[in-house]
Amino acid sequence: MESASALIDQKIQGLADWRGKTLAKVRQIIHQAAPEIVEEVKWRGTPVFSHAGIVCTGETYKTVVKLTFAKGAALPDPSGLFNSSLDGNVRRAIDIHEADKLNAAALKDLIRAAVALNLQRQSKPKPRQPSSKRTA
């Protein structure tokens, strides 16, 4: 079985247009921002970048490369990178079109904030469930 990184390499190579180059660039930025990121492939071949939970996915469509942040609604976005899925309570996405110029510094900040949020949520103790035992 091939590694997730190898499968993502294949996906990038299979996209012989701007989308492959864009996904490769985004992937490079993600790893620069957070070298501890783990690559996974889920949901019919979607690249997933995780650290203590999903940070973001890298989906490719005909006219857009979409980075969907699993907890994007909870992240600060002072540069206004999020431009898609803005109505939801949890996720936020960045749609990158062919002619778009990528703000690498702002994307790195967003990646780091997503990792920090995952680590923060991971370290919080889970609330104890009330016991279902009855006392007489």
C-alpha atoms as a PDB file:
ATOM      1  CA  MET A   1       0.000   0.000   0.000  1.00  0.00           C
ATOM      2  CA  GLU A   2       1.370   3.390  -0.969  1.00  0.00           C
ATOM      3  CA  SER A   3       1.943   6.134   1.557  1.00  0.00           C
ATOM      4  CA  ALA A   4      -0.399   9.110   1.671  1.00  0.00           C
ATOM      5  CA  SER A   5       2.468  11.367   0.585  1.00  0.00           C
ATOM      6  CA  ALA A   6       3.071   9.202  -2.492  1.00  0.00           C
ATOM      7  CA  LEU A   7      -0.651   9.278  -3.334  1.00  0.00           C
ATOM      8  CA  ILE A   8      -0.672  13.079  -3.026  1.00  0.00           C
ATOM      9  CA  ASP A   9       2.415  13.223  -5.280  1.00  0.00           C
ATOM     10  CA  GLN A  10       0.499  11.172  -7.850  1.00  0.00           C
ATOM     11  CA  LYS A  11      -2.528  13.434  -7.593  1.00  0.00           C
ATOM     12  CA  ILE A  12      -0.381  16.523  -8.175  1.00  0.00           C
ATOM     13  CA  GLN A  13       1.349  14.899 -11.153  1.00  0.00           C
ATOM     14  CA  GLY A  14      -2.019  13.822 -12.559  1.00  0.00           C
ATOM     15  CA  LEU A  15      -3.183  17.435 -12.567  1.00  0.00           C
ATOM     16  CA  ALA A  16      -1.076  18.593 -15.489  1.00  0.00           C
ATOM     17  CA  ASP A  17      -2.291  22.180 -15.284  1.00  0.00           C
ATOM     18  CA  TRP A  18      -2.279  25.126 -12.860  1.00  0.00           C
ATOM     19  CA  ARG A  19      -4.198  23.097 -10.262  1.00  0.00           C
ATOM     20  CA  GLY A  20      -1.329  20.640  -9.769  1.00  0.00           C
ATOM     21  CA  LYS A  21       1.179  23.477  -9.430  1.00  0.00           C
ATOM     22  CA  THR A  22      -1.120  25.305  -7.003  1.00  0.00           C
ATOM     23  CA  LEU A  23      -1.723  22.214  -4.856  1.00  0.00           C
ATOM     24  CA  ALA A  24       2.029  21.539  -4.788  1.00  0.00           C
ATOM     25  CA  LYS A  25       2.735  25.140  -3.728  1.00  0.00           C
ATOM     26  CA  VAL A  26       0.054  25.045  -1.021  1.00  0.00           C
ATOM     27  CA  ARG A  27       1.434  21.741   0.246  1.00  0.00           C
ATOM     28  CA  GLN A  28       4.920  23.251   0.439  1.00  0.00           C
ATOM     29  CA  ILE A  29       3.603  26.273   2.378  1.00  0.00           C
ATOM     30  CA  ILE A  30       1.719  23.997   4.795  1.00  0.00           C
ATOM     31  CA  HIS A  31       4.885  22.029   5.586  1.00  0.00           C
ATOM     32  CA  GLN A  32       6.947  25.207   5.946  1.00  0.00           C
ATOM     33  CA  ALA A  33       4.408  26.568   8.420  1.00  0.00           C
ATOM     34  CA  ALA A  34       4.123  23.366  10.442  1.00  0.00           C
ATOM     35  CA  PRO A  35       6.757  20.708   9.720  1.00  0.00           C
ATOM     36  CA  GLU A  36       4.975  18.298  12.095  1.00  0.00           C
ATOM     37  CA  ILE A  37       1.947  18.111   9.765  1.00  0.00           C
ATOM     38  CA  VAL A  38       1.005  14.580   8.758  1.00  0.00           C
ATOM     39  CA  GLU A  39      -0.377  13.883   5.295  1.00  0.00           C
ATOM     40  CA  GLU A  40      -3.349  11.588   4.884  1.00  0.00           C
ATOM     41  CA  VAL A  41      -5.668  10.698   2.029  1.00  0.00           C
ATOM     42  CA  LYS A  42      -9.389  10.403   2.782  1.00  0.00           C
ATOM     43  CA  TRP A  43     -12.747  10.660   1.074  1.00  0.00           C
ATOM     44  CA  ARG A  44     -11.927   9.248  -2.368  1.00  0.00           C
ATOM     45  CA  GLY A  45      -8.410  10.619  -2.602  1.00  0.00           C
ATOM     46  CA  THR A  46      -8.669  14.028  -0.937  1.00  0.00           C
ATOM     47  CA  PRO A  47      -5.343  15.199   0.523  1.00  0.00           C
ATOM     48  CA  VAL A  48      -5.730  15.878   4.258  1.00  0.00           C
ATOM     49  CA  PHE A  49      -3.174  17.713   6.371  1.00  0.00           C
ATOM     50  CA  SER A  50      -3.375  16.867  10.082  1.00  0.00           C
ATOM     51  CA  HIS A  51      -1.732  17.546  13.408  1.00  0.00           C
ATOM     52  CA  ALA A  52      -3.687  16.617  16.535  1.00  0.00           C
ATOM     53  CA  GLY A  53      -6.724  16.555  14.244  1.00  0.00           C
ATOM     54  CA  ILE A  54      -7.483  17.773  10.745  1.00  0.00           C
ATOM     55  CA  VAL A  55      -5.938  21.144   9.931  1.00  0.00           C
ATOM     56  CA  CYS A  56      -7.178  21.401   6.342  1.00  0.00           C
ATOM     57  CA  THR A  57      -7.931  19.490   3.172  1.00  0.00           C
ATOM     58  CA  GLY A  58      -6.671  20.252  -0.320  1.00  0.00           C
ATOM     59  CA  GLU A  59      -9.450  19.593  -2.793  1.00  0.00           C
ATOM     60  CA  THR A  60      -9.188  20.188  -6.537  1.00  0.00           C
ATOM     61  CA  TYR A  61     -12.094  21.051  -8.796  1.00  0.00           C
ATOM     62  CA  LYS A  62     -12.322  22.149 -12.407  1.00  0.00           C
ATOM     63  CA  THR A  63     -11.944  25.869 -11.694  1.00  0.00           C
ATOM     64  CA  VAL A  64     -10.587  26.003  -8.140  1.00  0.00           C
ATOM     65  CA  VAL A  65      -8.185  24.524  -5.615  1.00  0.00           C
ATOM     66  CA  LYS A  66     -10.031  24.588  -2.283  1.00  0.00           C
ATOM     67  CA  LEU A  67      -8.400  24.535   1.131  1.00  0.00           C
ATOM     68  CA  THR A  68     -11.040  23.656   3.691  1.00  0.00           C
ATOM     69  CA  PHE A  69     -10.085  24.270   7.312  1.00  0.00           C
ATOM     70  CA  ALA A  70     -11.866  21.863   9.647  1.00  0.00           C
ATOM     71  CA  LYS A  71     -12.196  24.462  12.431  1.00  0.00           C
ATOM     72  CA  GLY A  72     -11.841  27.567  10.286  1.00  0.00           C
ATOM     73  CA  ALA A  73     -14.694  29.476  11.933  1.00  0.00           C
ATOM     74  CA  ALA A  74     -12.680  29.501  15.177  1.00  0.00           C
ATOM     75  CA  LEU A  75      -9.502  30.849  13.552  1.00  0.00           C
ATOM     76  CA  PRO A  76      -8.392  34.469  13.283  1.00  0.00           C
ATOM     77  CA  ASP A  77      -8.190  35.566   9.637  1.00  0.00           C
ATOM     78  CA  PRO A  78      -6.886  39.146   9.686  1.00  0.00           C
ATOM     79  CA  SER A  79      -5.774  38.921   6.035  1.00  0.00           C
ATOM     80  CA  GLY A  80      -9.211  37.772   4.867  1.00  0.00           C
ATOM     81  CA  LEU A  81      -8.034  34.590   3.170  1.00  0.00           C
ATOM     82  CA  PHE A  82     -11.294  32.750   3.811  1.00  0.00           C
ATOM     83  CA  ASN A  83     -13.558  33.367   0.837  1.00  0.00           C
ATOM     84  CA  SER A  84     -15.776  30.279   0.781  1.00  0.00           C
ATOM     85  CA  SER A  85     -18.014  28.293   3.157  1.00  0.00           C
ATOM     86  CA  LEU A  86     -18.453  31.449   5.227  1.00  0.00           C
ATOM     87  CA  ASP A  87     -21.963  30.627   6.464  1.00  0.00           C
ATOM     88  CA  GLY A  88     -21.116  27.517   8.476  1.00  0.00           C
ATOM     89  CA  ASN A  89     -20.479  27.352  12.198  1.00  0.00           C
ATOM     90  CA  VAL A  90     -17.326  25.243  11.957  1.00  0.00           C
ATOM     91  CA  ARG A  91     -15.518  25.065   8.597  1.00  0.00           C
ATOM     92  CA  ARG A  92     -14.108  27.825   6.421  1.00  0.00           C
ATOM     93  CA  ALA A  93     -12.452  27.503   3.034  1.00  0.00           C
ATOM     94  CA  ILE A  94     -10.111  29.328   0.707  1.00  0.00           C
ATOM     95  CA  ASP A  95     -10.924  29.016  -2.991  1.00  0.00           C
ATOM     96  CA  ILE A  96      -7.823  29.580  -5.114  1.00  0.00           C
ATOM     97  CA  HIS A  97      -8.506  30.352  -8.773  1.00  0.00           C
ATOM     98  CA  GLU A  98      -5.995  30.113 -11.602  1.00  0.00           C
ATOM     99  CA  ALA A  99      -5.020  33.795 -11.658  1.00  0.00           C
ATOM    100  CA  ASP A 100      -5.002  34.271  -7.865  1.00  0.00           C
ATOM    101  CA  LYS A 101      -1.829  35.353  -6.098  1.00  0.00           C
ATOM    102  CA  LEU A 102      -1.304  33.341  -2.928  1.00  0.00           C
ATOM    103  CA  ASN A 103      -0.449  35.217   0.280  1.00  0.00           C
ATOM    104  CA  ALA A 104       2.014  32.664   1.655  1.00  0.00           C
ATOM    105  CA  ALA A 105       2.736  34.530   4.897  1.00  0.00           C
ATOM    106  CA  ALA A 106      -0.967  34.825   5.774  1.00  0.00           C
ATOM    107  CA  LEU A 107      -1.558  31.162   4.858  1.00  0.00           C
ATOM    108  CA  LYS A 108       1.315  30.103   7.130  1.00  0.00           C
ATOM    109  CA  ASP A 109      -0.229  32.111   9.975  1.00  0.00           C
ATOM    110  CA  LEU A 110      -3.572  30.400   9.389  1.00  0.00           C
ATOM    111  CA  ILE A 111      -1.947  26.938   9.336  1.00  0.00           C
ATOM    112  CA  ARG A 112      -0.078  27.656  12.576  1.00  0.00           C
ATOM    113  CA  ALA A 113      -3.261  28.939  14.227  1.00  0.00           C
ATOM    114  CA  ALA A 114      -5.147  25.789  13.152  1.00  0.00           C
ATOM    115  CA  VAL A 115      -2.424  23.531  14.586  1.00  0.00           C
ATOM    116  CA  ALA A 116      -2.403  25.536  17.832  1.00  0.00           C
ATOM    117  CA  LEU A 117      -6.189  25.252  18.102  1.00  0.00           C
ATOM    118  CA  ASN A 118      -6.035  21.482  17.573  1.00  0.00           C
ATOM    119  CA  LEU A 119      -3.335  21.137  20.231  1.00  0.00           C
ATOM    120  CA  GLN A 120      -5.275  23.354  22.642  1.00  0.00           C
ATOM    121  CA  ARG A 121      -8.446  21.306  22.208  1.00  0.00           C
ATOM    122  CA  GLN A 122      -6.502  18.068  22.516  1.00  0.00           C
ATOM    123  CA  SER A 123      -4.993  19.073  25.866  1.00  0.00           C
ATOM    124  CA  LYS A 124      -8.305  20.049  27.470  1.00  0.00           C
ATOM    125  CA  PRO A 125      -9.677  17.306  29.714  1.00  0.00           C
ATOM    126  CA  LYS A 126     -12.904  15.799  28.519  1.00  0.00           C
ATOM    127  CA  PRO A 127     -15.901  16.627  30.715  1.00  0.00           C
ATOM    128  CA  ARG A 128     -16.931  13.670  32.826  1.00  0.00           C
ATOM    129  CA  GLN A 129     -20.241  12.137  31.968  1.00  0.00           C
ATOM    130  CA  PRO A 130     -22.641  11.796  34.905  1.00  0.00           C
ATOM    131  CA  SER A 131     -22.842   8.302  36.197  1.00  0.00           C
ATOM    132  CA  SER A 132     -25.937   6.366  35.246  1.00  0.00           C
ATOM    133  CA  LYS A 133     -25.829   4.393  38.495  1.00  0.00           C
ATOM    134  CA  ARG A 134     -28.851   4.792  40.738  1.00  0.00           C
ATOM    135  CA  THR A 135     -28.565   5.123  44.430  1.00  0.00           C
ATOM    136  CA  ALA A 136     -31.306   3.831  46.667  1.00  0.00           C
END
